[in-house]
Structures are given as structure tokens and as C-alpha cells.
């Protein structure tokens, strides 16, 4: 929880688990 990844298109950092979801796609 709280990990981030870099977007493959725009390059922004993205939280992988917003709003209680298991993972962001």
C-alpha cells in the first residue's frame, strides 16, 4: 500500500492503490 509507479506515457508518478482499490491499472 502506498507504492507508486511511473506512467509509461506521461511520466507522472501514480499512487497504485487509490480510494481503497487493490491496485491501479
PDBML (XML) file of the C-alpha atoms, coordinates in Angstrom:
<?xml version="1.0" encoding="UTF-8" ?>
<PDBx:datablock datablockName="MODEL"
   xmlns:PDBx="http://pdbml.pdb.org/schema/pdbx-v50.xsd"
   xmlns:xsi="http://www.w3.org/2001/XMLSchema-instance"
   xsi:schemaLocation="http://pdbml.pdb.org/schema/pdbx-v50.xsd pdbx-v50.xsd">
   <PDBx:atom_siteCategory>
      <PDBx:atom_site id="1">
         <PDBx:B_iso_or_equiv>0.00</PDBx:B_iso_or_equiv>
         <PDBx:Cartn_x>0.000</PDBx:Cartn_x>
         <PDBx:Cartn_y>0.000</PDBx:Cartn_y>
         <PDBx:Cartn_z>0.000</PDBx:Cartn_z>
         <PDBx:auth_asym_id>A</PDBx:auth_asym_id>
         <PDBx:auth_atom_id>CA</PDBx:auth_atom_id>
         <PDBx:auth_comp_id>UNK</PDBx:auth_comp_id>
         <PDBx:auth_seq_id>1</PDBx:auth_seq_id>
         <PDBx:group_PDB>ATOM</PDBx:group_PDB>
         <PDBx:label_alt_id xsi:nil="true" />
         <PDBx:label_asym_id>A</PDBx:label_asym_id>
         <PDBx:label_atom_id>CA</PDBx:label_atom_id>
         <PDBx:label_comp_id>UNK</PDBx:label_comp_id>
         <PDBx:label_entity_id>1</PDBx:label_entity_id>
         <PDBx:label_seq_id>1</PDBx:label_seq_id>
         <PDBx:occupancy>1.00</PDBx:occupancy>
         <PDBx:pdbx_PDB_model_num>1</PDBx:pdbx_PDB_model_num>
         <PDBx:type_symbol>C</PDBx:type_symbol>
      </PDBx:atom_site>
      <PDBx:atom_site id="2">
         <PDBx:B_iso_or_equiv>0.00</PDBx:B_iso_or_equiv>
         <PDBx:Cartn_x>1.278</PDBx:Cartn_x>
         <PDBx:Cartn_y>3.424</PDBx:Cartn_y>
         <PDBx:Cartn_z>-0.934</PDBx:Cartn_z>
         <PDBx:auth_asym_id>A</PDBx:auth_asym_id>
         <PDBx:auth_atom_id>CA</PDBx:auth_atom_id>
         <PDBx:auth_comp_id>UNK</PDBx:auth_comp_id>
         <PDBx:auth_seq_id>2</PDBx:auth_seq_id>
         <PDBx:group_PDB>ATOM</PDBx:group_PDB>
         <PDBx:label_alt_id xsi:nil="true" />
         <PDBx:label_asym_id>A</PDBx:label_asym_id>
         <PDBx:label_atom_id>CA</PDBx:label_atom_id>
         <PDBx:label_comp_id>UNK</PDBx:label_comp_id>
         <PDBx:label_entity_id>1</PDBx:label_entity_id>
         <PDBx:label_seq_id>2</PDBx:label_seq_id>
         <PDBx:occupancy>1.00</PDBx:occupancy>
         <PDBx:pdbx_PDB_model_num>1</PDBx:pdbx_PDB_model_num>
         <PDBx:type_symbol>C</PDBx:type_symbol>
      </PDBx:atom_site>
      <PDBx:atom_site id="3">
         <PDBx:B_iso_or_equiv>0.00</PDBx:B_iso_or_equiv>
         <PDBx:Cartn_x>3.644</PDBx:Cartn_x>
         <PDBx:Cartn_y>2.247</PDBx:Cartn_y>
         <PDBx:Cartn_z>-3.693</PDBx:Cartn_z>
         <PDBx:auth_asym_id>A</PDBx:auth_asym_id>
         <PDBx:auth_atom_id>CA</PDBx:auth_atom_id>
         <PDBx:auth_comp_id>UNK</PDBx:auth_comp_id>
         <PDBx:auth_seq_id>3</PDBx:auth_seq_id>
         <PDBx:group_PDB>ATOM</PDBx:group_PDB>
         <PDBx:label_alt_id xsi:nil="true" />
         <PDBx:label_asym_id>A</PDBx:label_asym_id>
         <PDBx:label_atom_id>CA</PDBx:label_atom_id>
         <PDBx:label_comp_id>UNK</PDBx:label_comp_id>
         <PDBx:label_entity_id>1</PDBx:label_entity_id>
         <PDBx:label_seq_id>3</PDBx:label_seq_id>
         <PDBx:occupancy>1.00</PDBx:occupancy>
         <PDBx:pdbx_PDB_model_num>1</PDBx:pdbx_PDB_model_num>
         <PDBx:type_symbol>C</PDBx:type_symbol>
      </PDBx:atom_site>
      <PDBx:atom_site id="4">
         <PDBx:B_iso_or_equiv>0.00</PDBx:B_iso_or_equiv>
         <PDBx:Cartn_x>3.937</PDBx:Cartn_x>
         <PDBx:Cartn_y>4.377</PDBx:Cartn_y>
         <PDBx:Cartn_z>-6.779</PDBx:Cartn_z>
         <PDBx:auth_asym_id>A</PDBx:auth_asym_id>
         <PDBx:auth_atom_id>CA</PDBx:auth_atom_id>
         <PDBx:auth_comp_id>UNK</PDBx:auth_comp_id>
         <PDBx:auth_seq_id>4</PDBx:auth_seq_id>
         <PDBx:group_PDB>ATOM</PDBx:group_PDB>
         <PDBx:label_alt_id xsi:nil="true" />
         <PDBx:label_asym_id>A</PDBx:label_asym_id>
         <PDBx:label_atom_id>CA</PDBx:label_atom_id>
         <PDBx:label_comp_id>UNK</PDBx:label_comp_id>
         <PDBx:label_entity_id>1</PDBx:label_entity_id>
         <PDBx:label_seq_id>4</PDBx:label_seq_id>
         <PDBx:occupancy>1.00</PDBx:occupancy>
         <PDBx:pdbx_PDB_model_num>1</PDBx:pdbx_PDB_model_num>
         <PDBx:type_symbol>C</PDBx:type_symbol>
      </PDBx:atom_site>
      <PDBx:atom_site id="5">
         <PDBx:B_iso_or_equiv>0.00</PDBx:B_iso_or_equiv>
         <PDBx:Cartn_x>4.769</PDBx:Cartn_x>
         <PDBx:Cartn_y>3.735</PDBx:Cartn_y>
         <PDBx:Cartn_z>-10.401</PDBx:Cartn_z>
         <PDBx:auth_asym_id>A</PDBx:auth_asym_id>
         <PDBx:auth_atom_id>CA</PDBx:auth_atom_id>
         <PDBx:auth_comp_id>UNK</PDBx:auth_comp_id>
         <PDBx:auth_seq_id>5</PDBx:auth_seq_id>
         <PDBx:group_PDB>ATOM</PDBx:group_PDB>
         <PDBx:label_alt_id xsi:nil="true" />
         <PDBx:label_asym_id>A</PDBx:label_asym_id>
         <PDBx:label_atom_id>CA</PDBx:label_atom_id>
         <PDBx:label_comp_id>UNK</PDBx:label_comp_id>
         <PDBx:label_entity_id>1</PDBx:label_entity_id>
         <PDBx:label_seq_id>5</PDBx:label_seq_id>
         <PDBx:occupancy>1.00</PDBx:occupancy>
         <PDBx:pdbx_PDB_model_num>1</PDBx:pdbx_PDB_model_num>
         <PDBx:type_symbol>C</PDBx:type_symbol>
      </PDBx:atom_site>
      <PDBx:atom_site id="6">
         <PDBx:B_iso_or_equiv>0.00</PDBx:B_iso_or_equiv>
         <PDBx:Cartn_x>5.816</PDBx:Cartn_x>
         <PDBx:Cartn_y>5.993</PDBx:Cartn_y>
         <PDBx:Cartn_z>-13.254</PDBx:Cartn_z>
         <PDBx:auth_asym_id>A</PDBx:auth_asym_id>
         <PDBx:auth_atom_id>CA</PDBx:auth_atom_id>
         <PDBx:auth_comp_id>UNK</PDBx:auth_comp_id>
         <PDBx:auth_seq_id>6</PDBx:auth_seq_id>
         <PDBx:group_PDB>ATOM</PDBx:group_PDB>
         <PDBx:label_alt_id xsi:nil="true" />
         <PDBx:label_asym_id>A</PDBx:label_asym_id>
         <PDBx:label_atom_id>CA</PDBx:label_atom_id>
         <PDBx:label_comp_id>UNK</PDBx:label_comp_id>
         <PDBx:label_entity_id>1</PDBx:label_entity_id>
         <PDBx:label_seq_id>6</PDBx:label_seq_id>
         <PDBx:occupancy>1.00</PDBx:occupancy>
         <PDBx:pdbx_PDB_model_num>1</PDBx:pdbx_PDB_model_num>
         <PDBx:type_symbol>C</PDBx:type_symbol>
      </PDBx:atom_site>
      <PDBx:atom_site id="7">
         <PDBx:B_iso_or_equiv>0.00</PDBx:B_iso_or_equiv>
         <PDBx:Cartn_x>3.286</PDBx:Cartn_x>
         <PDBx:Cartn_y>6.309</PDBx:Cartn_y>
         <PDBx:Cartn_z>-16.086</PDBx:Cartn_z>
         <PDBx:auth_asym_id>A</PDBx:auth_asym_id>
         <PDBx:auth_atom_id>CA</PDBx:auth_atom_id>
         <PDBx:auth_comp_id>UNK</PDBx:auth_comp_id>
         <PDBx:auth_seq_id>7</PDBx:auth_seq_id>
         <PDBx:group_PDB>ATOM</PDBx:group_PDB>
         <PDBx:label_alt_id xsi:nil="true" />
         <PDBx:label_asym_id>A</PDBx:label_asym_id>
         <PDBx:label_atom_id>CA</PDBx:label_atom_id>
         <PDBx:label_comp_id>UNK</PDBx:label_comp_id>
         <PDBx:label_entity_id>1</PDBx:label_entity_id>
         <PDBx:label_seq_id>7</PDBx:label_seq_id>
         <PDBx:occupancy>1.00</PDBx:occupancy>
         <PDBx:pdbx_PDB_model_num>1</PDBx:pdbx_PDB_model_num>
         <PDBx:type_symbol>C</PDBx:type_symbol>
      </PDBx:atom_site>
      <PDBx:atom_site id="8">
         <PDBx:B_iso_or_equiv>0.00</PDBx:B_iso_or_equiv>
         <PDBx:Cartn_x>4.590</PDBx:Cartn_x>
         <PDBx:Cartn_y>4.801</PDBx:Cartn_y>
         <PDBx:Cartn_z>-19.330</PDBx:Cartn_z>
         <PDBx:auth_asym_id>A</PDBx:auth_asym_id>
         <PDBx:auth_atom_id>CA</PDBx:auth_atom_id>
         <PDBx:auth_comp_id>UNK</PDBx:auth_comp_id>
         <PDBx:auth_seq_id>8</PDBx:auth_seq_id>
         <PDBx:group_PDB>ATOM</PDBx:group_PDB>
         <PDBx:label_alt_id xsi:nil="true" />
         <PDBx:label_asym_id>A</PDBx:label_asym_id>
         <PDBx:label_atom_id>CA</PDBx:label_atom_id>
         <PDBx:label_comp_id>UNK</PDBx:label_comp_id>
         <PDBx:label_entity_id>1</PDBx:label_entity_id>
         <PDBx:label_seq_id>8</PDBx:label_seq_id>
         <PDBx:occupancy>1.00</PDBx:occupancy>
         <PDBx:pdbx_PDB_model_num>1</PDBx:pdbx_PDB_model_num>
         <PDBx:type_symbol>C</PDBx:type_symbol>
      </PDBx:atom_site>
      <PDBx:atom_site id="9">
         <PDBx:B_iso_or_equiv>0.00</PDBx:B_iso_or_equiv>
         <PDBx:Cartn_x>3.006</PDBx:Cartn_x>
         <PDBx:Cartn_y>7.611</PDBx:Cartn_y>
         <PDBx:Cartn_z>-21.375</PDBx:Cartn_z>
         <PDBx:auth_asym_id>A</PDBx:auth_asym_id>
         <PDBx:auth_atom_id>CA</PDBx:auth_atom_id>
         <PDBx:auth_comp_id>UNK</PDBx:auth_comp_id>
         <PDBx:auth_seq_id>9</PDBx:auth_seq_id>
         <PDBx:group_PDB>ATOM</PDBx:group_PDB>
         <PDBx:label_alt_id xsi:nil="true" />
         <PDBx:label_asym_id>A</PDBx:label_asym_id>
         <PDBx:label_atom_id>CA</PDBx:label_atom_id>
         <PDBx:label_comp_id>UNK</PDBx:label_comp_id>
         <PDBx:label_entity_id>1</PDBx:label_entity_id>
         <PDBx:label_seq_id>9</PDBx:label_seq_id>
         <PDBx:occupancy>1.00</PDBx:occupancy>
         <PDBx:pdbx_PDB_model_num>1</PDBx:pdbx_PDB_model_num>
         <PDBx:type_symbol>C</PDBx:type_symbol>
      </PDBx:atom_site>
      <PDBx:atom_site id="10">
         <PDBx:B_iso_or_equiv>0.00</PDBx:B_iso_or_equiv>
         <PDBx:Cartn_x>3.086</PDBx:Cartn_x>
         <PDBx:Cartn_y>10.938</PDBx:Cartn_y>
         <PDBx:Cartn_z>-19.478</PDBx:Cartn_z>
         <PDBx:auth_asym_id>A</PDBx:auth_asym_id>
         <PDBx:auth_atom_id>CA</PDBx:auth_atom_id>
         <PDBx:auth_comp_id>UNK</PDBx:auth_comp_id>
         <PDBx:auth_seq_id>10</PDBx:auth_seq_id>
         <PDBx:group_PDB>ATOM</PDBx:group_PDB>
         <PDBx:label_alt_id xsi:nil="true" />
         <PDBx:label_asym_id>A</PDBx:label_asym_id>
         <PDBx:label_atom_id>CA</PDBx:label_atom_id>
         <PDBx:label_comp_id>UNK</PDBx:label_comp_id>
         <PDBx:label_entity_id>1</PDBx:label_entity_id>
         <PDBx:label_seq_id>10</PDBx:label_seq_id>
         <PDBx:occupancy>1.00</PDBx:occupancy>
         <PDBx:pdbx_PDB_model_num>1</PDBx:pdbx_PDB_model_num>
         <PDBx:type_symbol>C</PDBx:type_symbol>
      </PDBx:atom_site>
      <PDBx:atom_site id="11">
         <PDBx:B_iso_or_equiv>0.00</PDBx:B_iso_or_equiv>
         <PDBx:Cartn_x>5.851</PDBx:Cartn_x>
         <PDBx:Cartn_y>10.067</PDBx:Cartn_y>
         <PDBx:Cartn_z>-16.991</PDBx:Cartn_z>
         <PDBx:auth_asym_id>A</PDBx:auth_asym_id>
         <PDBx:auth_atom_id>CA</PDBx:auth_atom_id>
         <PDBx:auth_comp_id>UNK</PDBx:auth_comp_id>
         <PDBx:auth_seq_id>11</PDBx:auth_seq_id>
         <PDBx:group_PDB>ATOM</PDBx:group_PDB>
         <PDBx:label_alt_id xsi:nil="true" />
         <PDBx:label_asym_id>A</PDBx:label_asym_id>
         <PDBx:label_atom_id>CA</PDBx:label_atom_id>
         <PDBx:label_comp_id>UNK</PDBx:label_comp_id>
         <PDBx:label_entity_id>1</PDBx:label_entity_id>
         <PDBx:label_seq_id>11</PDBx:label_seq_id>
         <PDBx:occupancy>1.00</PDBx:occupancy>
         <PDBx:pdbx_PDB_model_num>1</PDBx:pdbx_PDB_model_num>
         <PDBx:type_symbol>C</PDBx:type_symbol>
      </PDBx:atom_site>
      <PDBx:atom_site id="12">
         <PDBx:B_iso_or_equiv>0.00</PDBx:B_iso_or_equiv>
         <PDBx:Cartn_x>3.987</PDBx:Cartn_x>
         <PDBx:Cartn_y>11.224</PDBx:Cartn_y>
         <PDBx:Cartn_z>-13.870</PDBx:Cartn_z>
         <PDBx:auth_asym_id>A</PDBx:auth_asym_id>
         <PDBx:auth_atom_id>CA</PDBx:auth_atom_id>
         <PDBx:auth_comp_id>UNK</PDBx:auth_comp_id>
         <PDBx:auth_seq_id>12</PDBx:auth_seq_id>
         <PDBx:group_PDB>ATOM</PDBx:group_PDB>
         <PDBx:label_alt_id xsi:nil="true" />
         <PDBx:label_asym_id>A</PDBx:label_asym_id>
         <PDBx:label_atom_id>CA</PDBx:label_atom_id>
         <PDBx:label_comp_id>UNK</PDBx:label_comp_id>
         <PDBx:label_entity_id>1</PDBx:label_entity_id>
         <PDBx:label_seq_id>12</PDBx:label_seq_id>
         <PDBx:occupancy>1.00</PDBx:occupancy>
         <PDBx:pdbx_PDB_model_num>1</PDBx:pdbx_PDB_model_num>
         <PDBx:type_symbol>C</PDBx:type_symbol>
      </PDBx:atom_site>
      <PDBx:atom_site id="13">
         <PDBx:B_iso_or_equiv>0.00</PDBx:B_iso_or_equiv>
         <PDBx:Cartn_x>4.238</PDBx:Cartn_x>
         <PDBx:Cartn_y>9.299</PDBx:Cartn_y>
         <PDBx:Cartn_z>-10.615</PDBx:Cartn_z>
         <PDBx:auth_asym_id>A</PDBx:auth_asym_id>
         <PDBx:auth_atom_id>CA</PDBx:auth_atom_id>
         <PDBx:auth_comp_id>UNK</PDBx:auth_comp_id>
         <PDBx:auth_seq_id>13</PDBx:auth_seq_id>
         <PDBx:group_PDB>ATOM</PDBx:group_PDB>
         <PDBx:label_alt_id xsi:nil="true" />
         <PDBx:label_asym_id>A</PDBx:label_asym_id>
         <PDBx:label_atom_id>CA</PDBx:label_atom_id>
         <PDBx:label_comp_id>UNK</PDBx:label_comp_id>
         <PDBx:label_entity_id>1</PDBx:label_entity_id>
         <PDBx:label_seq_id>13</PDBx:label_seq_id>
         <PDBx:occupancy>1.00</PDBx:occupancy>
         <PDBx:pdbx_PDB_model_num>1</PDBx:pdbx_PDB_model_num>
         <PDBx:type_symbol>C</PDBx:type_symbol>
      </PDBx:atom_site>
      <PDBx:atom_site id="14">
         <PDBx:B_iso_or_equiv>0.00</PDBx:B_iso_or_equiv>
         <PDBx:Cartn_x>0.983</PDBx:Cartn_x>
         <PDBx:Cartn_y>7.466</PDBx:Cartn_y>
         <PDBx:Cartn_z>-9.774</PDBx:Cartn_z>
         <PDBx:auth_asym_id>A</PDBx:auth_asym_id>
         <PDBx:auth_atom_id>CA</PDBx:auth_atom_id>
         <PDBx:auth_comp_id>UNK</PDBx:auth_comp_id>
         <PDBx:auth_seq_id>14</PDBx:auth_seq_id>
         <PDBx:group_PDB>ATOM</PDBx:group_PDB>
         <PDBx:label_alt_id xsi:nil="true" />
         <PDBx:label_asym_id>A</PDBx:label_asym_id>
         <PDBx:label_atom_id>CA</PDBx:label_atom_id>
         <PDBx:label_comp_id>UNK</PDBx:label_comp_id>
         <PDBx:label_entity_id>1</PDBx:label_entity_id>
         <PDBx:label_seq_id>14</PDBx:label_seq_id>
         <PDBx:occupancy>1.00</PDBx:occupancy>
         <PDBx:pdbx_PDB_model_num>1</PDBx:pdbx_PDB_model_num>
         <PDBx:type_symbol>C</PDBx:type_symbol>
      </PDBx:atom_site>
      <PDBx:atom_site id="15">
         <PDBx:B_iso_or_equiv>0.00</PDBx:B_iso_or_equiv>
         <PDBx:Cartn_x>-0.267</PDBx:Cartn_x>
         <PDBx:Cartn_y>6.009</PDBx:Cartn_y>
         <PDBx:Cartn_z>-6.467</PDBx:Cartn_z>
         <PDBx:auth_asym_id>A</PDBx:auth_asym_id>
         <PDBx:auth_atom_id>CA</PDBx:auth_atom_id>
         <PDBx:auth_comp_id>UNK</PDBx:auth_comp_id>
         <PDBx:auth_seq_id>15</PDBx:auth_seq_id>
         <PDBx:group_PDB>ATOM</PDBx:group_PDB>
         <PDBx:label_alt_id xsi:nil="true" />
         <PDBx:label_asym_id>A</PDBx:label_asym_id>
         <PDBx:label_atom_id>CA</PDBx:label_atom_id>
         <PDBx:label_comp_id>UNK</PDBx:label_comp_id>
         <PDBx:label_entity_id>1</PDBx:label_entity_id>
         <PDBx:label_seq_id>15</PDBx:label_seq_id>
         <PDBx:occupancy>1.00</PDBx:occupancy>
         <PDBx:pdbx_PDB_model_num>1</PDBx:pdbx_PDB_model_num>
         <PDBx:type_symbol>C</PDBx:type_symbol>
      </PDBx:atom_site>
      <PDBx:atom_site id="16">
         <PDBx:B_iso_or_equiv>0.00</PDBx:B_iso_or_equiv>
         <PDBx:Cartn_x>-1.083</PDBx:Cartn_x>
         <PDBx:Cartn_y>2.356</PDBx:Cartn_y>
         <PDBx:Cartn_z>-7.161</PDBx:Cartn_z>
         <PDBx:auth_asym_id>A</PDBx:auth_asym_id>
         <PDBx:auth_atom_id>CA</PDBx:auth_atom_id>
         <PDBx:auth_comp_id>UNK</PDBx:auth_comp_id>
         <PDBx:auth_seq_id>16</PDBx:auth_seq_id>
         <PDBx:group_PDB>ATOM</PDBx:group_PDB>
         <PDBx:label_alt_id xsi:nil="true" />
         <PDBx:label_asym_id>A</PDBx:label_asym_id>
         <PDBx:label_atom_id>CA</PDBx:label_atom_id>
         <PDBx:label_comp_id>UNK</PDBx:label_comp_id>
         <PDBx:label_entity_id>1</PDBx:label_entity_id>
         <PDBx:label_seq_id>16</PDBx:label_seq_id>
         <PDBx:occupancy>1.00</PDBx:occupancy>
         <PDBx:pdbx_PDB_model_num>1</PDBx:pdbx_PDB_model_num>
         <PDBx:type_symbol>C</PDBx:type_symbol>
      </PDBx:atom_site>
      <PDBx:atom_site id="17">
         <PDBx:B_iso_or_equiv>0.00</PDBx:B_iso_or_equiv>
         <PDBx:Cartn_x>-3.873</PDBx:Cartn_x>
         <PDBx:Cartn_y>1.980</PDBx:Cartn_y>
         <PDBx:Cartn_z>-4.572</PDBx:Cartn_z>
         <PDBx:auth_asym_id>A</PDBx:auth_asym_id>
         <PDBx:auth_atom_id>CA</PDBx:auth_atom_id>
         <PDBx:auth_comp_id>UNK</PDBx:auth_comp_id>
         <PDBx:auth_seq_id>17</PDBx:auth_seq_id>
         <PDBx:group_PDB>ATOM</PDBx:group_PDB>
         <PDBx:label_alt_id xsi:nil="true" />
         <PDBx:label_asym_id>A</PDBx:label_asym_id>
         <PDBx:label_atom_id>CA</PDBx:label_atom_id>
         <PDBx:label_comp_id>UNK</PDBx:label_comp_id>
         <PDBx:label_entity_id>1</PDBx:label_entity_id>
         <PDBx:label_seq_id>17</PDBx:label_seq_id>
         <PDBx:occupancy>1.00</PDBx:occupancy>
         <PDBx:pdbx_PDB_model_num>1</PDBx:pdbx_PDB_model_num>
         <PDBx:type_symbol>C</PDBx:type_symbol>
      </PDBx:atom_site>
      <PDBx:atom_site id="18">
         <PDBx:B_iso_or_equiv>0.00</PDBx:B_iso_or_equiv>
         <PDBx:Cartn_x>-6.225</PDBx:Cartn_x>
         <PDBx:Cartn_y>4.993</PDBx:Cartn_y>
         <PDBx:Cartn_z>-4.540</PDBx:Cartn_z>
         <PDBx:auth_asym_id>A</PDBx:auth_asym_id>
         <PDBx:auth_atom_id>CA</PDBx:auth_atom_id>
         <PDBx:auth_comp_id>UNK</PDBx:auth_comp_id>
         <PDBx:auth_seq_id>18</PDBx:auth_seq_id>
         <PDBx:group_PDB>ATOM</PDBx:group_PDB>
         <PDBx:label_alt_id xsi:nil="true" />
         <PDBx:label_asym_id>A</PDBx:label_asym_id>
         <PDBx:label_atom_id>CA</PDBx:label_atom_id>
         <PDBx:label_comp_id>UNK</PDBx:label_comp_id>
         <PDBx:label_entity_id>1</PDBx:label_entity_id>
         <PDBx:label_seq_id>18</PDBx:label_seq_id>
         <PDBx:occupancy>1.00</PDBx:occupancy>
         <PDBx:pdbx_PDB_model_num>1</PDBx:pdbx_PDB_model_num>
         <PDBx:type_symbol>C</PDBx:type_symbol>
      </PDBx:atom_site>
      <PDBx:atom_site id="19">
         <PDBx:B_iso_or_equiv>0.00</PDBx:B_iso_or_equiv>
         <PDBx:Cartn_x>-9.609</PDBx:Cartn_x>
         <PDBx:Cartn_y>5.001</PDBx:Cartn_y>
         <PDBx:Cartn_z>-2.847</PDBx:Cartn_z>
         <PDBx:auth_asym_id>A</PDBx:auth_asym_id>
         <PDBx:auth_atom_id>CA</PDBx:auth_atom_id>
         <PDBx:auth_comp_id>UNK</PDBx:auth_comp_id>
         <PDBx:auth_seq_id>19</PDBx:auth_seq_id>
         <PDBx:group_PDB>ATOM</PDBx:group_PDB>
         <PDBx:label_alt_id xsi:nil="true" />
         <PDBx:label_asym_id>A</PDBx:label_asym_id>
         <PDBx:label_atom_id>CA</PDBx:label_atom_id>
         <PDBx:label_comp_id>UNK</PDBx:label_comp_id>
         <PDBx:label_entity_id>1</PDBx:label_entity_id>
         <PDBx:label_seq_id>19</PDBx:label_seq_id>
         <PDBx:occupancy>1.00</PDBx:occupancy>
         <PDBx:pdbx_PDB_model_num>1</PDBx:pdbx_PDB_model_num>
         <PDBx:type_symbol>C</PDBx:type_symbol>
      </PDBx:atom_site>
      <PDBx:atom_site id="20">
         <PDBx:B_iso_or_equiv>0.00</PDBx:B_iso_or_equiv>
         <PDBx:Cartn_x>-9.184</PDBx:Cartn_x>
         <PDBx:Cartn_y>1.554</PDBx:Cartn_y>
         <PDBx:Cartn_z>-1.256</PDBx:Cartn_z>
         <PDBx:auth_asym_id>A</PDBx:auth_asym_id>
         <PDBx:auth_atom_id>CA</PDBx:auth_atom_id>
         <PDBx:auth_comp_id>UNK</PDBx:auth_comp_id>
         <PDBx:auth_seq_id>20</PDBx:auth_seq_id>
         <PDBx:group_PDB>ATOM</PDBx:group_PDB>
         <PDBx:label_alt_id xsi:nil="true" />
         <PDBx:label_asym_id>A</PDBx:label_asym_id>
         <PDBx:label_atom_id>CA</PDBx:label_atom_id>
         <PDBx:label_comp_id>UNK</PDBx:label_comp_id>
         <PDBx:label_entity_id>1</PDBx:label_entity_id>
         <PDBx:label_seq_id>20</PDBx:label_seq_id>
         <PDBx:occupancy>1.00</PDBx:occupancy>
         <PDBx:pdbx_PDB_model_num>1</PDBx:pdbx_PDB_model_num>
         <PDBx:type_symbol>C</PDBx:type_symbol>
      </PDBx:atom_site>
      <PDBx:atom_site id="21">
         <PDBx:B_iso_or_equiv>0.00</PDBx:B_iso_or_equiv>
         <PDBx:Cartn_x>-8.714</PDBx:Cartn_x>
         <PDBx:Cartn_y>-0.359</PDBx:Cartn_y>
         <PDBx:Cartn_z>-4.516</PDBx:Cartn_z>
         <PDBx:auth_asym_id>A</PDBx:auth_asym_id>
         <PDBx:auth_atom_id>CA</PDBx:auth_atom_id>
         <PDBx:auth_comp_id>UNK</PDBx:auth_comp_id>
         <PDBx:auth_seq_id>21</PDBx:auth_seq_id>
         <PDBx:group_PDB>ATOM</PDBx:group_PDB>
         <PDBx:label_alt_id xsi:nil="true" />
         <PDBx:label_asym_id>A</PDBx:label_asym_id>
         <PDBx:label_atom_id>CA</PDBx:label_atom_id>
         <PDBx:label_comp_id>UNK</PDBx:label_comp_id>
         <PDBx:label_entity_id>1</PDBx:label_entity_id>
         <PDBx:label_seq_id>21</PDBx:label_seq_id>
         <PDBx:occupancy>1.00</PDBx:occupancy>
         <PDBx:pdbx_PDB_model_num>1</PDBx:pdbx_PDB_model_num>
         <PDBx:type_symbol>C</PDBx:type_symbol>
      </PDBx:atom_site>
      <PDBx:atom_site id="22">
         <PDBx:B_iso_or_equiv>0.00</PDBx:B_iso_or_equiv>
         <PDBx:Cartn_x>-6.381</PDBx:Cartn_x>
         <PDBx:Cartn_y>-3.339</PDBx:Cartn_y>
         <PDBx:Cartn_z>-4.640</PDBx:Cartn_z>
         <PDBx:auth_asym_id>A</PDBx:auth_asym_id>
         <PDBx:auth_atom_id>CA</PDBx:auth_atom_id>
         <PDBx:auth_comp_id>UNK</PDBx:auth_comp_id>
         <PDBx:auth_seq_id>22</PDBx:auth_seq_id>
         <PDBx:group_PDB>ATOM</PDBx:group_PDB>
         <PDBx:label_alt_id xsi:nil="true" />
         <PDBx:label_asym_id>A</PDBx:label_asym_id>
         <PDBx:label_atom_id>CA</PDBx:label_atom_id>
         <PDBx:label_comp_id>UNK</PDBx:label_comp_id>
         <PDBx:label_entity_id>1</PDBx:label_entity_id>
         <PDBx:label_seq_id>22</PDBx:label_seq_id>
         <PDBx:occupancy>1.00</PDBx:occupancy>
         <PDBx:pdbx_PDB_model_num>1</PDBx:pdbx_PDB_model_num>
         <PDBx:type_symbol>C</PDBx:type_symbol>
      </PDBx:atom_site>
      <PDBx:atom_site id="23">
         <PDBx:B_iso_or_equiv>0.00</PDBx:B_iso_or_equiv>
         <PDBx:Cartn_x>-4.273</PDBx:Cartn_x>
         <PDBx:Cartn_y>-1.916</PDBx:Cartn_y>
         <PDBx:Cartn_z>-7.438</PDBx:Cartn_z>
         <PDBx:auth_asym_id>A</PDBx:auth_asym_id>
         <PDBx:auth_atom_id>CA</PDBx:auth_atom_id>
         <PDBx:auth_comp_id>UNK</PDBx:auth_comp_id>
         <PDBx:auth_seq_id>23</PDBx:auth_seq_id>
         <PDBx:group_PDB>ATOM</PDBx:group_PDB>
         <PDBx:label_alt_id xsi:nil="true" />
         <PDBx:label_asym_id>A</PDBx:label_asym_id>
         <PDBx:label_atom_id>CA</PDBx:label_atom_id>
         <PDBx:label_comp_id>UNK</PDBx:label_comp_id>
         <PDBx:label_entity_id>1</PDBx:label_entity_id>
         <PDBx:label_seq_id>23</PDBx:label_seq_id>
         <PDBx:occupancy>1.00</PDBx:occupancy>
         <PDBx:pdbx_PDB_model_num>1</PDBx:pdbx_PDB_model_num>
         <PDBx:type_symbol>C</PDBx:type_symbol>
      </PDBx:atom_site>
      <PDBx:atom_site id="24">
         <PDBx:B_iso_or_equiv>0.00</PDBx:B_iso_or_equiv>
         <PDBx:Cartn_x>-4.491</PDBx:Cartn_x>
         <PDBx:Cartn_y>0.747</PDBx:Cartn_y>
         <PDBx:Cartn_z>-10.089</PDBx:Cartn_z>
         <PDBx:auth_asym_id>A</PDBx:auth_asym_id>
         <PDBx:auth_atom_id>CA</PDBx:auth_atom_id>
         <PDBx:auth_comp_id>UNK</PDBx:auth_comp_id>
         <PDBx:auth_seq_id>24</PDBx:auth_seq_id>
         <PDBx:group_PDB>ATOM</PDBx:group_PDB>
         <PDBx:label_alt_id xsi:nil="true" />
         <PDBx:label_asym_id>A</PDBx:label_asym_id>
         <PDBx:label_atom_id>CA</PDBx:label_atom_id>
         <PDBx:label_comp_id>UNK</PDBx:label_comp_id>
         <PDBx:label_entity_id>1</PDBx:label_entity_id>
         <PDBx:label_seq_id>24</PDBx:label_seq_id>
         <PDBx:occupancy>1.00</PDBx:occupancy>
         <PDBx:pdbx_PDB_model_num>1</PDBx:pdbx_PDB_model_num>
         <PDBx:type_symbol>C</PDBx:type_symbol>
      </PDBx:atom_site>
      <PDBx:atom_site id="25">
         <PDBx:B_iso_or_equiv>0.00</PDBx:B_iso_or_equiv>
         <PDBx:Cartn_x>-4.275</PDBx:Cartn_x>
         <PDBx:Cartn_y>-0.294</PDBx:Cartn_y>
         <PDBx:Cartn_z>-13.725</PDBx:Cartn_z>
         <PDBx:auth_asym_id>A</PDBx:auth_asym_id>
         <PDBx:auth_atom_id>CA</PDBx:auth_atom_id>
         <PDBx:auth_comp_id>UNK</PDBx:auth_comp_id>
         <PDBx:auth_seq_id>25</PDBx:auth_seq_id>
         <PDBx:group_PDB>ATOM</PDBx:group_PDB>
         <PDBx:label_alt_id xsi:nil="true" />
         <PDBx:label_asym_id>A</PDBx:label_asym_id>
         <PDBx:label_atom_id>CA</PDBx:label_atom_id>
         <PDBx:label_comp_id>UNK</PDBx:label_comp_id>
         <PDBx:label_entity_id>1</PDBx:label_entity_id>
         <PDBx:label_seq_id>25</PDBx:label_seq_id>
         <PDBx:occupancy>1.00</PDBx:occupancy>
         <PDBx:pdbx_PDB_model_num>1</PDBx:pdbx_PDB_model_num>
         <PDBx:type_symbol>C</PDBx:type_symbol>
      </PDBx:atom_site>
   </PDBx:atom_siteCategory>
</PDBx:datablock>
